[in-house]
């Protein structure tokens, strides 16, 4: 598994802190802004970066992230260009873990072996494919693991124990618990439901658990951080990018993430 992801969580554990894991869509608001935004996220307190690979039919994503995907695709952003962005980011930052998050089609088109090899070359640490359940993906994940890339899985409130156990066997890096039924950015979080689900997850999963979907402000981030090892924030950051101009996007996103960092640290 990726040593960078493990190193990040080990360091946080030692400091008795929780991970802040922001998500942005590669190529949004423009391809030229992605790497500067990644550096700004790290500077503002991100521990792990989730970089969305734009896709034409992002079924797990709500309208905010769908629009970000559309904006990136209109500007010609492909899986290959996303890998190029990671290579560019690594010229200055060798420490921060980068996880690609997306869908199976673009990877299938490139081929899992070629994709995994390229991920290793550019410095990708983990891959989360939303529409690739563990039951169907042994070959894909063998390629990733051979190149020391962590396969990262989603678990949901409706996930049964036997499935949690299965994911626990295959997962590396961390496990992403989806705190809501529905798409990204939807609904209100039920903190008691997350807290009730955690013992069932911990029973099988030794890895750190990150919680995401529906974390929209500092208060919620702080409450969620008390229940898990990492807080994933996506739609709220992508919304900030959409609402900003090219001139103030870095400043606005940095300000938002700094607030989330402070809240997570107060947990």
C-alpha atoms as a PDB file:
ATOM      1  CA  UNK A   1       0.000   0.000   0.000  1.00  0.00           C
ATOM      2  CA  UNK A   2       1.024   3.601  -0.351  1.00  0.00           C
ATOM      3  CA  UNK A   3       3.579   4.613   2.222  1.00  0.00           C
ATOM      4  CA  UNK A   4       2.591   8.255   1.870  1.00  0.00           C
ATOM      5  CA  UNK A   5      -0.979   7.596   3.019  1.00  0.00           C
ATOM      6  CA  UNK A   6       0.180   5.475   5.932  1.00  0.00           C
ATOM      7  CA  UNK A   7       2.837   8.041   6.888  1.00  0.00           C
ATOM      8  CA  UNK A   8       0.229  10.835   6.889  1.00  0.00           C
ATOM      9  CA  UNK A   9      -2.172   8.931   9.159  1.00  0.00           C
ATOM     10  CA  UNK A  10       0.643   7.689  11.439  1.00  0.00           C
ATOM     11  CA  UNK A  11       1.853  11.252  11.924  1.00  0.00           C
ATOM     12  CA  UNK A  12      -1.667  12.482  12.691  1.00  0.00           C
ATOM     13  CA  UNK A  13      -2.262   9.647  15.139  1.00  0.00           C
ATOM     14  CA  UNK A  14       0.955  10.538  16.934  1.00  0.00           C
ATOM     15  CA  UNK A  15      -0.236  14.182  17.119  1.00  0.00           C
ATOM     16  CA  UNK A  16      -3.735  13.039  18.222  1.00  0.00           C
ATOM     17  CA  UNK A  17      -5.239  14.861  15.242  1.00  0.00           C
ATOM     18  CA  UNK A  18      -7.682  13.900  12.503  1.00  0.00           C
ATOM     19  CA  UNK A  19      -7.113  14.048   8.756  1.00  0.00           C
ATOM     20  CA  UNK A  20      -8.644  16.742   6.579  1.00  0.00           C
ATOM     21  CA  UNK A  21      -9.195  15.340   3.078  1.00  0.00           C
ATOM     22  CA  UNK A  22     -10.436  17.930   0.572  1.00  0.00           C
ATOM     23  CA  UNK A  23     -11.713  16.955  -2.890  1.00  0.00           C
ATOM     24  CA  UNK A  24     -11.436  19.028  -6.064  1.00  0.00           C
ATOM     25  CA  UNK A  25     -12.203  18.088  -9.660  1.00  0.00           C
ATOM     26  CA  UNK A  26      -9.083  18.119 -11.847  1.00  0.00           C
ATOM     27  CA  UNK A  27      -9.386  20.783 -14.539  1.00  0.00           C
ATOM     28  CA  UNK A  28     -11.923  22.898 -12.657  1.00  0.00           C
ATOM     29  CA  UNK A  29     -12.090  25.895 -12.899  1.00  0.00           C
ATOM     30  CA  UNK A  30      -9.339  25.454 -15.527  1.00  0.00           C
ATOM     31  CA  UNK A  31      -6.527  22.960 -16.168  1.00  0.00           C
ATOM     32  CA  UNK A  32      -3.938  25.649 -15.382  1.00  0.00           C
ATOM     33  CA  UNK A  33      -5.460  26.254 -11.925  1.00  0.00           C
ATOM     34  CA  UNK A  34      -5.495  22.639 -10.698  1.00  0.00           C
ATOM     35  CA  UNK A  35      -1.893  22.330  -9.504  1.00  0.00           C
ATOM     36  CA  UNK A  36      -1.869  25.787  -7.823  1.00  0.00           C
ATOM     37  CA  UNK A  37      -5.138  24.815  -6.093  1.00  0.00           C
ATOM     38  CA  UNK A  38      -3.612  21.519  -4.910  1.00  0.00           C
ATOM     39  CA  UNK A  39      -0.672  23.388  -3.375  1.00  0.00           C
ATOM     40  CA  UNK A  40      -3.051  25.914  -1.788  1.00  0.00           C
ATOM     41  CA  UNK A  41      -5.078  23.088  -0.215  1.00  0.00           C
ATOM     42  CA  UNK A  42      -1.931  21.628   1.349  1.00  0.00           C
ATOM     43  CA  UNK A  43      -0.820  25.033   2.595  1.00  0.00           C
ATOM     44  CA  UNK A  44      -4.276  25.530   4.149  1.00  0.00           C
ATOM     45  CA  UNK A  45      -4.050  22.289   6.125  1.00  0.00           C
ATOM     46  CA  UNK A  46      -5.011  19.353   3.887  1.00  0.00           C
ATOM     47  CA  UNK A  47      -3.454  16.009   4.888  1.00  0.00           C
ATOM     48  CA  UNK A  48      -4.559  13.980   1.844  1.00  0.00           C
ATOM     49  CA  UNK A  49      -5.821  15.302  -1.509  1.00  0.00           C
ATOM     50  CA  UNK A  50      -8.641  13.646  -3.414  1.00  0.00           C
ATOM     51  CA  UNK A  51      -8.472  14.624  -7.069  1.00  0.00           C
ATOM     52  CA  UNK A  52     -11.588  13.931  -9.111  1.00  0.00           C
ATOM     53  CA  UNK A  53     -11.126  12.579 -12.621  1.00  0.00           C
ATOM     54  CA  UNK A  54     -13.837  14.277 -14.716  1.00  0.00           C
ATOM     55  CA  UNK A  55     -16.355  11.885 -16.240  1.00  0.00           C
ATOM     56  CA  UNK A  56     -19.404  12.436 -18.449  1.00  0.00           C
ATOM     57  CA  UNK A  57     -21.790  10.372 -16.306  1.00  0.00           C
ATOM     58  CA  UNK A  58     -20.758  10.746 -12.651  1.00  0.00           C
ATOM     59  CA  UNK A  59     -23.689   8.836 -11.144  1.00  0.00           C
ATOM     60  CA  UNK A  60     -22.640   9.142  -7.485  1.00  0.00           C
ATOM     61  CA  UNK A  61     -22.154  12.880  -7.692  1.00  0.00           C
ATOM     62  CA  UNK A  62     -24.694  15.597  -7.056  1.00  0.00           C
ATOM     63  CA  UNK A  63     -25.194  18.631  -9.312  1.00  0.00           C
ATOM     64  CA  UNK A  64     -22.244  20.633  -7.926  1.00  0.00           C
ATOM     65  CA  UNK A  65     -19.589  18.050  -8.779  1.00  0.00           C
ATOM     66  CA  UNK A  66     -21.380  17.118 -12.013  1.00  0.00           C
ATOM     67  CA  UNK A  67     -21.053  20.722 -13.177  1.00  0.00           C
ATOM     68  CA  UNK A  68     -17.351  20.724 -12.226  1.00  0.00           C
ATOM     69  CA  UNK A  69     -16.862  17.583 -14.344  1.00  0.00           C
ATOM     70  CA  UNK A  70     -18.651  19.254 -17.277  1.00  0.00           C
ATOM     71  CA  UNK A  71     -16.492  22.379 -16.984  1.00  0.00           C
ATOM     72  CA  UNK A  72     -13.308  20.271 -16.969  1.00  0.00           C
ATOM     73  CA  UNK A  73     -14.404  18.042 -19.867  1.00  0.00           C
ATOM     74  CA  UNK A  74     -15.257  21.104 -21.971  1.00  0.00           C
ATOM     75  CA  UNK A  75     -11.633  22.158 -21.542  1.00  0.00           C
ATOM     76  CA  UNK A  76     -10.375  18.807 -22.778  1.00  0.00           C
ATOM     77  CA  UNK A  77      -9.314  17.293 -19.442  1.00  0.00           C
ATOM     78  CA  UNK A  78      -8.748  13.540 -19.732  1.00  0.00           C
ATOM     79  CA  UNK A  79      -7.385  10.851 -17.428  1.00  0.00           C
ATOM     80  CA  UNK A  80      -3.979  11.321 -19.052  1.00  0.00           C
ATOM     81  CA  UNK A  81      -4.005  15.049 -18.377  1.00  0.00           C
ATOM     82  CA  UNK A  82      -5.006  14.411 -14.731  1.00  0.00           C
ATOM     83  CA  UNK A  83      -1.986  12.108 -14.352  1.00  0.00           C
ATOM     84  CA  UNK A  84       0.119  14.900 -15.860  1.00  0.00           C
ATOM     85  CA  UNK A  85      -1.208  17.301 -13.215  1.00  0.00           C
ATOM     86  CA  UNK A  86      -0.120  14.913 -10.443  1.00  0.00           C
ATOM     87  CA  UNK A  87       3.360  14.714 -12.014  1.00  0.00           C
ATOM     88  CA  UNK A  88       3.487  18.523 -12.014  1.00  0.00           C
ATOM     89  CA  UNK A  89       2.334  18.701  -8.375  1.00  0.00           C
ATOM     90  CA  UNK A  90       5.054  16.214  -7.349  1.00  0.00           C
ATOM     91  CA  UNK A  91       7.807  18.519  -8.611  1.00  0.00           C
ATOM     92  CA  UNK A  92       7.212  20.618  -5.488  1.00  0.00           C
ATOM     93  CA  UNK A  93       5.456  18.258  -3.085  1.00  0.00           C
ATOM     94  CA  UNK A  94       6.753  14.746  -2.513  1.00  0.00           C
ATOM     95  CA  UNK A  95       4.983  14.208   0.818  1.00  0.00           C
ATOM     96  CA  UNK A  96       1.228  14.838   0.486  1.00  0.00           C
ATOM     97  CA  UNK A  97      -0.768  11.738  -0.523  1.00  0.00           C
ATOM     98  CA  UNK A  98      -2.849  12.097  -3.697  1.00  0.00           C
ATOM     99  CA  UNK A  99      -5.863   9.859  -4.313  1.00  0.00           C
ATOM    100  CA  UNK A 100      -7.595   9.789  -7.699  1.00  0.00           C
ATOM    101  CA  UNK A 101     -11.354   9.490  -7.434  1.00  0.00           C
ATOM    102  CA  UNK A 102     -13.504   8.656 -10.408  1.00  0.00           C
ATOM    103  CA  UNK A 103     -15.217   6.022 -12.486  1.00  0.00           C
ATOM    104  CA  UNK A 104     -14.091   2.838 -14.205  1.00  0.00           C
ATOM    105  CA  UNK A 105     -14.602   3.738 -17.891  1.00  0.00           C
ATOM    106  CA  UNK A 106     -11.588   6.020 -18.460  1.00  0.00           C
ATOM    107  CA  UNK A 107      -9.325   3.550 -16.627  1.00  0.00           C
ATOM    108  CA  UNK A 108     -10.716   0.587 -18.583  1.00  0.00           C
ATOM    109  CA  UNK A 109     -10.019   2.519 -21.786  1.00  0.00           C
ATOM    110  CA  UNK A 110      -6.391   3.073 -20.751  1.00  0.00           C
ATOM    111  CA  UNK A 111      -6.037  -0.471 -19.376  1.00  0.00           C
ATOM    112  CA  UNK A 112      -5.512  -1.199 -15.683  1.00  0.00           C
ATOM    113  CA  UNK A 113      -1.893  -2.264 -16.048  1.00  0.00           C
ATOM    114  CA  UNK A 114      -0.844   0.814 -18.032  1.00  0.00           C
ATOM    115  CA  UNK A 115      -2.871   3.031 -15.705  1.00  0.00           C
ATOM    116  CA  UNK A 116      -1.368   1.531 -12.541  1.00  0.00           C
ATOM    117  CA  UNK A 117       2.143   1.851 -13.914  1.00  0.00           C
ATOM    118  CA  UNK A 118       1.560   5.489 -14.846  1.00  0.00           C
ATOM    119  CA  UNK A 119       0.094   6.209 -11.393  1.00  0.00           C
ATOM    120  CA  UNK A 120       3.272   4.828  -9.807  1.00  0.00           C
ATOM    121  CA  UNK A 121       5.465   6.926 -12.139  1.00  0.00           C
ATOM    122  CA  UNK A 122       3.707  10.227 -11.399  1.00  0.00           C
ATOM    123  CA  UNK A 123       3.190   9.679  -7.666  1.00  0.00           C
ATOM    124  CA  UNK A 124      -0.483   8.736  -7.219  1.00  0.00           C
ATOM    125  CA  UNK A 125      -0.982   6.990  -3.865  1.00  0.00           C
ATOM    126  CA  UNK A 126      -4.514   5.636  -4.039  1.00  0.00           C
ATOM    127  CA  UNK A 127      -7.385   5.087  -6.472  1.00  0.00           C
ATOM    128  CA  UNK A 128     -11.072   5.133  -5.648  1.00  0.00           C
ATOM    129  CA  UNK A 129     -13.355   3.965  -8.461  1.00  0.00           C
ATOM    130  CA  UNK A 130     -16.916   4.688  -7.429  1.00  0.00           C
ATOM    131  CA  UNK A 131     -18.552   2.158  -9.753  1.00  0.00           C
ATOM    132  CA  UNK A 132     -16.137  -0.739  -9.213  1.00  0.00           C
ATOM    133  CA  UNK A 133     -17.428  -2.884  -6.361  1.00  0.00           C
ATOM    134  CA  UNK A 134     -14.859  -5.169  -4.698  1.00  0.00           C
ATOM    135  CA  UNK A 135     -16.712  -8.271  -5.926  1.00  0.00           C
ATOM    136  CA  UNK A 136     -15.943  -7.427  -9.543  1.00  0.00           C
ATOM    137  CA  UNK A 137     -12.536  -5.929  -9.381  1.00  0.00           C
ATOM    138  CA  UNK A 138      -9.897  -8.397  -8.258  1.00  0.00           C
ATOM    139  CA  UNK A 139      -7.871  -8.111 -11.478  1.00  0.00           C
ATOM    140  CA  UNK A 140      -7.981  -4.323 -11.415  1.00  0.00           C
ATOM    141  CA  UNK A 141      -6.833  -4.153  -7.814  1.00  0.00           C
ATOM    142  CA  UNK A 142      -4.066  -6.684  -8.366  1.00  0.00           C
ATOM    143  CA  UNK A 143      -2.578  -4.275 -10.918  1.00  0.00           C
ATOM    144  CA  UNK A 144      -2.830  -1.391  -8.448  1.00  0.00           C
ATOM    145  CA  UNK A 145      -1.288  -3.320  -5.589  1.00  0.00           C
ATOM    146  CA  UNK A 146       1.537  -4.609  -7.735  1.00  0.00           C
ATOM    147  CA  UNK A 147       2.499  -0.965  -8.275  1.00  0.00           C
ATOM    148  CA  UNK A 148       2.004  -0.095  -4.585  1.00  0.00           C
ATOM    149  CA  UNK A 149      -1.138   1.973  -5.233  1.00  0.00           C
ATOM    150  CA  UNK A 150      -3.834   1.699  -2.546  1.00  0.00           C
ATOM    151  CA  UNK A 151      -7.301   0.589  -3.721  1.00  0.00           C
ATOM    152  CA  UNK A 152      -9.739   2.700  -1.690  1.00  0.00           C
ATOM    153  CA  UNK A 153     -13.368   1.676  -1.229  1.00  0.00           C
ATOM    154  CA  UNK A 154     -16.631   3.343  -0.333  1.00  0.00           C
ATOM    155  CA  UNK A 155     -18.904   1.941   2.341  1.00  0.00           C
ATOM    156  CA  UNK A 156     -22.451   3.207   2.897  1.00  0.00           C
ATOM    157  CA  UNK A 157     -24.983   3.302   5.748  1.00  0.00           C
ATOM    158  CA  UNK A 158     -26.717   0.352   4.073  1.00  0.00           C
ATOM    159  CA  UNK A 159     -23.563  -1.822   3.787  1.00  0.00           C
ATOM    160  CA  UNK A 160     -24.009  -5.219   5.470  1.00  0.00           C
ATOM    161  CA  UNK A 161     -21.419  -6.772   7.769  1.00  0.00           C
ATOM    162  CA  UNK A 162     -20.288  -9.452   5.284  1.00  0.00           C
ATOM    163  CA  UNK A 163     -19.542  -6.755   2.718  1.00  0.00           C
ATOM    164  CA  UNK A 164     -17.653  -4.660   5.273  1.00  0.00           C
ATOM    165  CA  UNK A 165     -15.530  -7.738   6.007  1.00  0.00           C
ATOM    166  CA  UNK A 166     -14.874  -8.251   2.301  1.00  0.00           C
ATOM    167  CA  UNK A 167     -13.832  -4.628   1.796  1.00  0.00           C
ATOM    168  CA  UNK A 168     -11.600  -4.852   4.881  1.00  0.00           C
ATOM    169  CA  UNK A 169      -9.627  -7.651   3.178  1.00  0.00           C
ATOM    170  CA  UNK A 170      -9.044  -5.727  -0.066  1.00  0.00           C
ATOM    171  CA  UNK A 171      -8.769  -2.114   1.068  1.00  0.00           C
ATOM    172  CA  UNK A 172      -5.493  -0.288   1.579  1.00  0.00           C
ATOM    173  CA  UNK A 173      -4.743   3.279   2.665  1.00  0.00           C
ATOM    174  CA  UNK A 174      -8.071   4.233   4.240  1.00  0.00           C
ATOM    175  CA  UNK A 175     -11.742   3.410   3.846  1.00  0.00           C
ATOM    176  CA  UNK A 176     -14.223   6.090   2.779  1.00  0.00           C
ATOM    177  CA  UNK A 177     -17.523   5.910   4.639  1.00  0.00           C
ATOM    178  CA  UNK A 178     -20.363   7.650   2.804  1.00  0.00           C
ATOM    179  CA  UNK A 179     -22.379   9.265   5.559  1.00  0.00           C
ATOM    180  CA  UNK A 180     -25.618   9.639   3.566  1.00  0.00           C
ATOM    181  CA  UNK A 181     -27.841   7.625   1.311  1.00  0.00           C
ATOM    182  CA  UNK A 182     -27.783   9.571  -1.948  1.00  0.00           C
ATOM    183  CA  UNK A 183     -25.355  11.559  -4.041  1.00  0.00           C
ATOM    184  CA  UNK A 184     -22.551  13.928  -3.008  1.00  0.00           C
ATOM    185  CA  UNK A 185     -23.676  17.199  -1.489  1.00  0.00           C
ATOM    186  CA  UNK A 186     -27.177  15.973  -0.663  1.00  0.00           C
ATOM    187  CA  UNK A 187     -29.183  15.981   2.518  1.00  0.00           C
ATOM    188  CA  UNK A 188     -28.395  16.684   6.120  1.00  0.00           C
ATOM    189  CA  UNK A 189     -26.009  14.600   8.129  1.00  0.00           C
ATOM    190  CA  UNK A 190     -27.326  12.389  10.886  1.00  0.00           C
ATOM    191  CA  UNK A 191     -24.407  12.301  13.314  1.00  0.00           C
ATOM    192  CA  UNK A 192     -26.041   9.697  15.553  1.00  0.00           C
ATOM    193  CA  UNK A 193     -26.336   7.335  12.566  1.00  0.00           C
ATOM    194  CA  UNK A 194     -22.599   7.720  11.834  1.00  0.00           C
ATOM    195  CA  UNK A 195     -21.753   7.104  15.459  1.00  0.00           C
ATOM    196  CA  UNK A 196     -23.976   3.990  15.548  1.00  0.00           C
ATOM    197  CA  UNK A 197     -22.334   2.587  12.401  1.00  0.00           C
ATOM    198  CA  UNK A 198     -18.721   3.090  13.520  1.00  0.00           C
ATOM    199  CA  UNK A 199     -18.457   0.059  15.872  1.00  0.00           C
ATOM    200  CA  UNK A 200     -19.618  -2.261  13.043  1.00  0.00           C
ATOM    201  CA  UNK A 201     -16.979  -0.748  10.733  1.00  0.00           C
ATOM    202  CA  UNK A 202     -14.215  -0.874  13.346  1.00  0.00           C
ATOM    203  CA  UNK A 203     -15.004  -4.509  14.081  1.00  0.00           C
ATOM    204  CA  UNK A 204     -13.636  -5.449  10.647  1.00  0.00           C
ATOM    205  CA  UNK A 205     -11.548  -2.510   9.470  1.00  0.00           C
ATOM    206  CA  UNK A 206      -8.091  -1.844  10.894  1.00  0.00           C
ATOM    207  CA  UNK A 207      -7.371   0.986   8.451  1.00  0.00           C
ATOM    208  CA  UNK A 208      -8.235   4.640   9.108  1.00  0.00           C
ATOM    209  CA  UNK A 209     -11.839   5.534   8.264  1.00  0.00           C
ATOM    210  CA  UNK A 210     -12.654   8.816   6.507  1.00  0.00           C
ATOM    211  CA  UNK A 211     -16.213  10.124   6.438  1.00  0.00           C
ATOM    212  CA  UNK A 212     -17.584  12.227   3.598  1.00  0.00           C
ATOM    213  CA  UNK A 213     -20.718  13.367   1.678  1.00  0.00           C
ATOM    214  CA  UNK A 214     -22.721  16.202   3.186  1.00  0.00           C
ATOM    215  CA  UNK A 215     -20.049  17.971   5.277  1.00  0.00           C
ATOM    216  CA  UNK A 216     -20.754  21.585   4.426  1.00  0.00           C
ATOM    217  CA  UNK A 217     -19.353  23.706   7.258  1.00  0.00           C
ATOM    218  CA  UNK A 218     -16.831  23.878  10.076  1.00  0.00           C
ATOM    219  CA  UNK A 219     -19.325  22.862  12.749  1.00  0.00           C
ATOM    220  CA  UNK A 220     -20.250  19.635  10.960  1.00  0.00           C
ATOM    221  CA  UNK A 221     -16.602  18.908  10.139  1.00  0.00           C
ATOM    222  CA  UNK A 222     -15.736  19.179  13.843  1.00  0.00           C
ATOM    223  CA  UNK A 223     -18.619  16.901  14.897  1.00  0.00           C
ATOM    224  CA  UNK A 224     -17.724  14.275  12.275  1.00  0.00           C
ATOM    225  CA  UNK A 225     -14.000  14.424  13.152  1.00  0.00           C
ATOM    226  CA  UNK A 226     -14.848  13.224  16.673  1.00  0.00           C
ATOM    227  CA  UNK A 227     -16.289  10.008  15.230  1.00  0.00           C
ATOM    228  CA  UNK A 228     -13.658   8.925  12.680  1.00  0.00           C
ATOM    229  CA  UNK A 229     -10.040   9.319  11.503  1.00  0.00           C
ATOM    230  CA  UNK A 230     -10.546  11.730   8.610  1.00  0.00           C
ATOM    231  CA  UNK A 231     -13.076  14.222   7.260  1.00  0.00           C
ATOM    232  CA  UNK A 232     -13.651  14.374   3.498  1.00  0.00           C
ATOM    233  CA  UNK A 233     -15.063  17.611   2.080  1.00  0.00           C
ATOM    234  CA  UNK A 234     -15.920  17.792  -1.612  1.00  0.00           C
ATOM    235  CA  UNK A 235     -19.090  19.534  -2.805  1.00  0.00           C
ATOM    236  CA  UNK A 236     -18.639  22.524  -0.486  1.00  0.00           C
ATOM    237  CA  UNK A 237     -15.133  23.218  -1.864  1.00  0.00           C
ATOM    238  CA  UNK A 238     -16.234  22.655  -5.461  1.00  0.00           C
ATOM    239  CA  UNK A 239     -19.123  25.082  -4.865  1.00  0.00           C
ATOM    240  CA  UNK A 240     -16.624  27.673  -3.615  1.00  0.00           C
ATOM    241  CA  UNK A 241     -14.604  27.209  -6.820  1.00  0.00           C
ATOM    242  CA  UNK A 242     -17.752  27.663  -8.913  1.00  0.00           C
ATOM    243  CA  UNK A 243     -18.727  30.834  -7.027  1.00  0.00           C
ATOM    244  CA  UNK A 244     -15.245  32.394  -7.326  1.00  0.00           C
ATOM    245  CA  UNK A 245     -13.445  34.210 -10.128  1.00  0.00           C
ATOM    246  CA  UNK A 246     -10.068  33.202 -11.570  1.00  0.00           C
ATOM    247  CA  UNK A 247      -8.614  36.108  -9.554  1.00  0.00           C
ATOM    248  CA  UNK A 248      -9.925  35.124  -6.120  1.00  0.00           C
ATOM    249  CA  UNK A 249     -10.476  31.353  -6.311  1.00  0.00           C
ATOM    250  CA  UNK A 250      -7.206  30.406  -4.548  1.00  0.00           C
ATOM    251  CA  UNK A 251      -7.827  32.912  -1.772  1.00  0.00           C
ATOM    252  CA  UNK A 252     -11.461  31.849  -1.269  1.00  0.00           C
ATOM    253  CA  UNK A 253     -10.738  28.120  -1.248  1.00  0.00           C
ATOM    254  CA  UNK A 254      -7.763  28.619   1.082  1.00  0.00           C
ATOM    255  CA  UNK A 255      -9.910  30.587   3.521  1.00  0.00           C
ATOM    256  CA  UNK A 256     -12.614  27.892   3.508  1.00  0.00           C
ATOM    257  CA  UNK A 257     -10.132  25.046   4.042  1.00  0.00           C
ATOM    258  CA  UNK A 258      -8.310  26.907   6.831  1.00  0.00           C
ATOM    259  CA  UNK A 259     -11.644  27.177   8.668  1.00  0.00           C
ATOM    260  CA  UNK A 260     -12.300  23.467   8.198  1.00  0.00           C
ATOM    261  CA  UNK A 261      -8.777  22.668   9.425  1.00  0.00           C
ATOM    262  CA  UNK A 262      -9.289  24.671  12.615  1.00  0.00           C
ATOM    263  CA  UNK A 263     -12.613  22.948  13.238  1.00  0.00           C
ATOM    264  CA  UNK A 264     -11.195  19.454  12.689  1.00  0.00           C
ATOM    265  CA  UNK A 265      -8.317  20.255  15.063  1.00  0.00           C
ATOM    266  CA  UNK A 266     -10.787  21.306  17.760  1.00  0.00           C
ATOM    267  CA  UNK A 267     -12.346  17.837  17.703  1.00  0.00           C
END
